């Protein structure tokens, strides 16, 4: 009787070890694939997001510089078309030169 109980316990232990091995393999396979997939997605997102943000910042600064240039050009055209005196002409020329230097320095810093 003890041999039968002992043999039955050995069979149950073998079945339990087999089930645990299959469950461990299953969860390791599934969750490893999911974790690698989410890690890969995160890396792709980060690697793609950085250049997009950098380009967006460059685009914003370029549009700001362009807007400033257009405003200055409009101002210079208005002032230059009818200068009342030579002093006004010198003022217009100096403001244009100052803005040109500022624009060149801004573009170099990008």
C-alpha atoms as a PDB file:
ATOM      1  CA  UNK A   1       0.000   0.000   0.000  1.00  0.00           C
ATOM      2  CA  UNK A   2       2.828   2.379   0.850  1.00  0.00           C
ATOM      3  CA  UNK A   3       4.517   1.546  -2.462  1.00  0.00           C
ATOM      4  CA  UNK A   4       1.316   2.509  -4.330  1.00  0.00           C
ATOM      5  CA  UNK A   5       0.977   5.787  -2.433  1.00  0.00           C
ATOM      6  CA  UNK A   6       4.691   6.506  -2.936  1.00  0.00           C
ATOM      7  CA  UNK A   7       4.420   5.689  -6.677  1.00  0.00           C
ATOM      8  CA  UNK A   8       1.292   7.883  -6.956  1.00  0.00           C
ATOM      9  CA  UNK A   9       3.121  10.762  -5.260  1.00  0.00           C
ATOM     10  CA  UNK A  10       6.029  10.391  -7.674  1.00  0.00           C
ATOM     11  CA  UNK A  11       3.653  10.532 -10.648  1.00  0.00           C
ATOM     12  CA  UNK A  12       1.901  13.594  -9.210  1.00  0.00           C
ATOM     13  CA  UNK A  13       5.264  15.276  -8.594  1.00  0.00           C
ATOM     14  CA  UNK A  14       6.355  14.538 -12.181  1.00  0.00           C
ATOM     15  CA  UNK A  15       3.073  15.980 -13.519  1.00  0.00           C
ATOM     16  CA  UNK A  16       3.441  19.057 -11.293  1.00  0.00           C
ATOM     17  CA  UNK A  17       7.041  19.618 -12.462  1.00  0.00           C
ATOM     18  CA  UNK A  18       5.931  19.195 -16.092  1.00  0.00           C
ATOM     19  CA  UNK A  19       3.060  21.681 -15.682  1.00  0.00           C
ATOM     20  CA  UNK A  20       5.297  24.207 -13.950  1.00  0.00           C
ATOM     21  CA  UNK A  21       7.880  23.830 -16.734  1.00  0.00           C
ATOM     22  CA  UNK A  22       5.237  24.420 -19.422  1.00  0.00           C
ATOM     23  CA  UNK A  23       3.748  27.404 -17.564  1.00  0.00           C
ATOM     24  CA  UNK A  24       7.181  28.926 -16.998  1.00  0.00           C
ATOM     25  CA  UNK A  25       8.063  28.487 -20.672  1.00  0.00           C
ATOM     26  CA  UNK A  26       4.727  30.001 -21.760  1.00  0.00           C
ATOM     27  CA  UNK A  27       4.918  33.100 -19.545  1.00  0.00           C
ATOM     28  CA  UNK A  28       8.602  33.613 -20.310  1.00  0.00           C
ATOM     29  CA  UNK A  29       7.917  33.458 -24.032  1.00  0.00           C
ATOM     30  CA  UNK A  30       4.836  35.717 -23.979  1.00  0.00           C
ATOM     31  CA  UNK A  31       6.058  38.373 -21.561  1.00  0.00           C
ATOM     32  CA  UNK A  32       9.555  38.476 -23.050  1.00  0.00           C
ATOM     33  CA  UNK A  33       8.044  39.148 -26.464  1.00  0.00           C
ATOM     34  CA  UNK A  34       5.739  41.834 -25.035  1.00  0.00           C
ATOM     35  CA  UNK A  35       8.492  43.521 -23.040  1.00  0.00           C
ATOM     36  CA  UNK A  36      10.882  43.519 -26.007  1.00  0.00           C
ATOM     37  CA  UNK A  37       8.134  44.882 -28.208  1.00  0.00           C
ATOM     38  CA  UNK A  38       7.356  47.729 -25.804  1.00  0.00           C
ATOM     39  CA  UNK A  39      11.070  48.457 -25.345  1.00  0.00           C
ATOM     40  CA  UNK A  40      11.560  48.571 -29.115  1.00  0.00           C
ATOM     41  CA  UNK A  41       8.552  50.874 -29.488  1.00  0.00           C
ATOM     42  CA  UNK A  42       9.926  53.204 -26.818  1.00  0.00           C
ATOM     43  CA  UNK A  43      13.338  53.345 -28.453  1.00  0.00           C
ATOM     44  CA  UNK A  44      11.835  53.991 -31.895  1.00  0.00           C
ATOM     45  CA  UNK A  45       9.654  56.741 -30.459  1.00  0.00           C
ATOM     46  CA  UNK A  46      12.594  58.419 -28.727  1.00  0.00           C
ATOM     47  CA  UNK A  47      14.892  58.155 -31.721  1.00  0.00           C
ATOM     48  CA  UNK A  48      12.265  59.540 -34.088  1.00  0.00           C
ATOM     49  CA  UNK A  49      10.977  62.201 -31.697  1.00  0.00           C
ATOM     50  CA  UNK A  50      14.321  63.930 -31.085  1.00  0.00           C
ATOM     51  CA  UNK A  51      15.002  64.899 -34.723  1.00  0.00           C
ATOM     52  CA  UNK A  52      11.390  66.035 -35.118  1.00  0.00           C
ATOM     53  CA  UNK A  53      11.636  68.286 -32.067  1.00  0.00           C
ATOM     54  CA  UNK A  54      15.003  69.629 -33.213  1.00  0.00           C
ATOM     55  CA  UNK A  55      13.625  70.401 -36.677  1.00  0.00           C
ATOM     56  CA  UNK A  56      10.546  72.009 -35.102  1.00  0.00           C
ATOM     57  CA  UNK A  57      12.773  74.292 -32.992  1.00  0.00           C
ATOM     58  CA  UNK A  58      14.824  75.251 -36.047  1.00  0.00           C
ATOM     59  CA  UNK A  59      11.632  75.941 -37.989  1.00  0.00           C
ATOM     60  CA  UNK A  60      10.277  78.150 -35.201  1.00  0.00           C
ATOM     61  CA  UNK A  61      13.482  80.153 -34.900  1.00  0.00           C
ATOM     62  CA  UNK A  62      13.703  80.472 -38.699  1.00  0.00           C
ATOM     63  CA  UNK A  63      10.135  81.757 -38.888  1.00  0.00           C
ATOM     64  CA  UNK A  64      10.835  84.265 -36.101  1.00  0.00           C
ATOM     65  CA  UNK A  65      13.941  85.514 -37.909  1.00  0.00           C
ATOM     66  CA  UNK A  66      12.027  85.717 -41.195  1.00  0.00           C
ATOM     67  CA  UNK A  67       9.212  87.675 -39.546  1.00  0.00           C
ATOM     68  CA  UNK A  68      11.720  90.092 -38.049  1.00  0.00           C
ATOM     69  CA  UNK A  69      13.400  90.541 -41.423  1.00  0.00           C
ATOM     70  CA  UNK A  70      10.081  91.223 -43.145  1.00  0.00           C
ATOM     71  CA  UNK A  71       9.107  93.801 -40.529  1.00  0.00           C
ATOM     72  CA  UNK A  72      12.471  95.497 -40.803  1.00  0.00           C
ATOM     73  CA  UNK A  73      12.282  95.478 -44.591  1.00  0.00           C
ATOM     74  CA  UNK A  74       8.833  97.070 -44.477  1.00  0.00           C
ATOM     75  CA  UNK A  75      10.104  99.701 -42.075  1.00  0.00           C
ATOM     76  CA  UNK A  76      13.168 100.416 -44.209  1.00  0.00           C
ATOM     77  CA  UNK A  77      11.111 100.627 -47.396  1.00  0.00           C
ATOM     78  CA  UNK A  78       8.692 103.073 -45.804  1.00  0.00           C
ATOM     79  CA  UNK A  79      11.503 105.194 -44.392  1.00  0.00           C
ATOM     80  CA  UNK A  80      13.765 104.938 -47.419  1.00  0.00           C
ATOM     81  CA  UNK A  81      11.161 105.825 -50.010  1.00  0.00           C
ATOM     82  CA  UNK A  82      10.730 109.390 -48.650  1.00  0.00           C
ATOM     83  CA  UNK A  83      13.706 110.422 -46.518  1.00  0.00           C
ATOM     84  CA  UNK A  84      13.236 113.965 -45.288  1.00  0.00           C
ATOM     85  CA  UNK A  85      16.889 114.629 -44.589  1.00  0.00           C
ATOM     86  CA  UNK A  86      20.338 113.129 -44.703  1.00  0.00           C
ATOM     87  CA  UNK A  87      20.127 112.417 -40.941  1.00  0.00           C
ATOM     88  CA  UNK A  88      17.075 110.202 -41.482  1.00  0.00           C
ATOM     89  CA  UNK A  89      18.900 108.421 -44.296  1.00  0.00           C
ATOM     90  CA  UNK A  90      21.843 107.687 -41.957  1.00  0.00           C
ATOM     91  CA  UNK A  91      19.438 106.404 -39.284  1.00  0.00           C
ATOM     92  CA  UNK A  92      17.762 104.052 -41.753  1.00  0.00           C
ATOM     93  CA  UNK A  93      21.094 102.760 -43.017  1.00  0.00           C
ATOM     94  CA  UNK A  94      22.434 102.153 -39.509  1.00  0.00           C
ATOM     95  CA  UNK A  95      19.280 100.299 -38.396  1.00  0.00           C
ATOM     96  CA  UNK A  96      19.483  98.124 -41.506  1.00  0.00           C
ATOM     97  CA  UNK A  97      23.138  97.285 -40.832  1.00  0.00           C
ATOM     98  CA  UNK A  98      22.428  96.521 -37.164  1.00  0.00           C
ATOM     99  CA  UNK A  99      19.602  94.169 -38.071  1.00  0.00           C
ATOM    100  CA  UNK A 100      21.703  92.476 -40.763  1.00  0.00           C
ATOM    101  CA  UNK A 101      24.476  91.764 -38.258  1.00  0.00           C
ATOM    102  CA  UNK A 102      21.908  90.433 -35.739  1.00  0.00           C
ATOM    103  CA  UNK A 103      20.399  88.147 -38.376  1.00  0.00           C
ATOM    104  CA  UNK A 104      23.784  86.738 -39.397  1.00  0.00           C
ATOM    105  CA  UNK A 105      24.720  86.068 -35.770  1.00  0.00           C
ATOM    106  CA  UNK A 106      21.349  84.398 -35.148  1.00  0.00           C
ATOM    107  CA  UNK A 107      21.767  82.115 -38.141  1.00  0.00           C
ATOM    108  CA  UNK A 108      25.298  81.136 -37.096  1.00  0.00           C
ATOM    109  CA  UNK A 109      24.111  80.069 -33.652  1.00  0.00           C
ATOM    110  CA  UNK A 110      21.703  77.536 -35.188  1.00  0.00           C
END
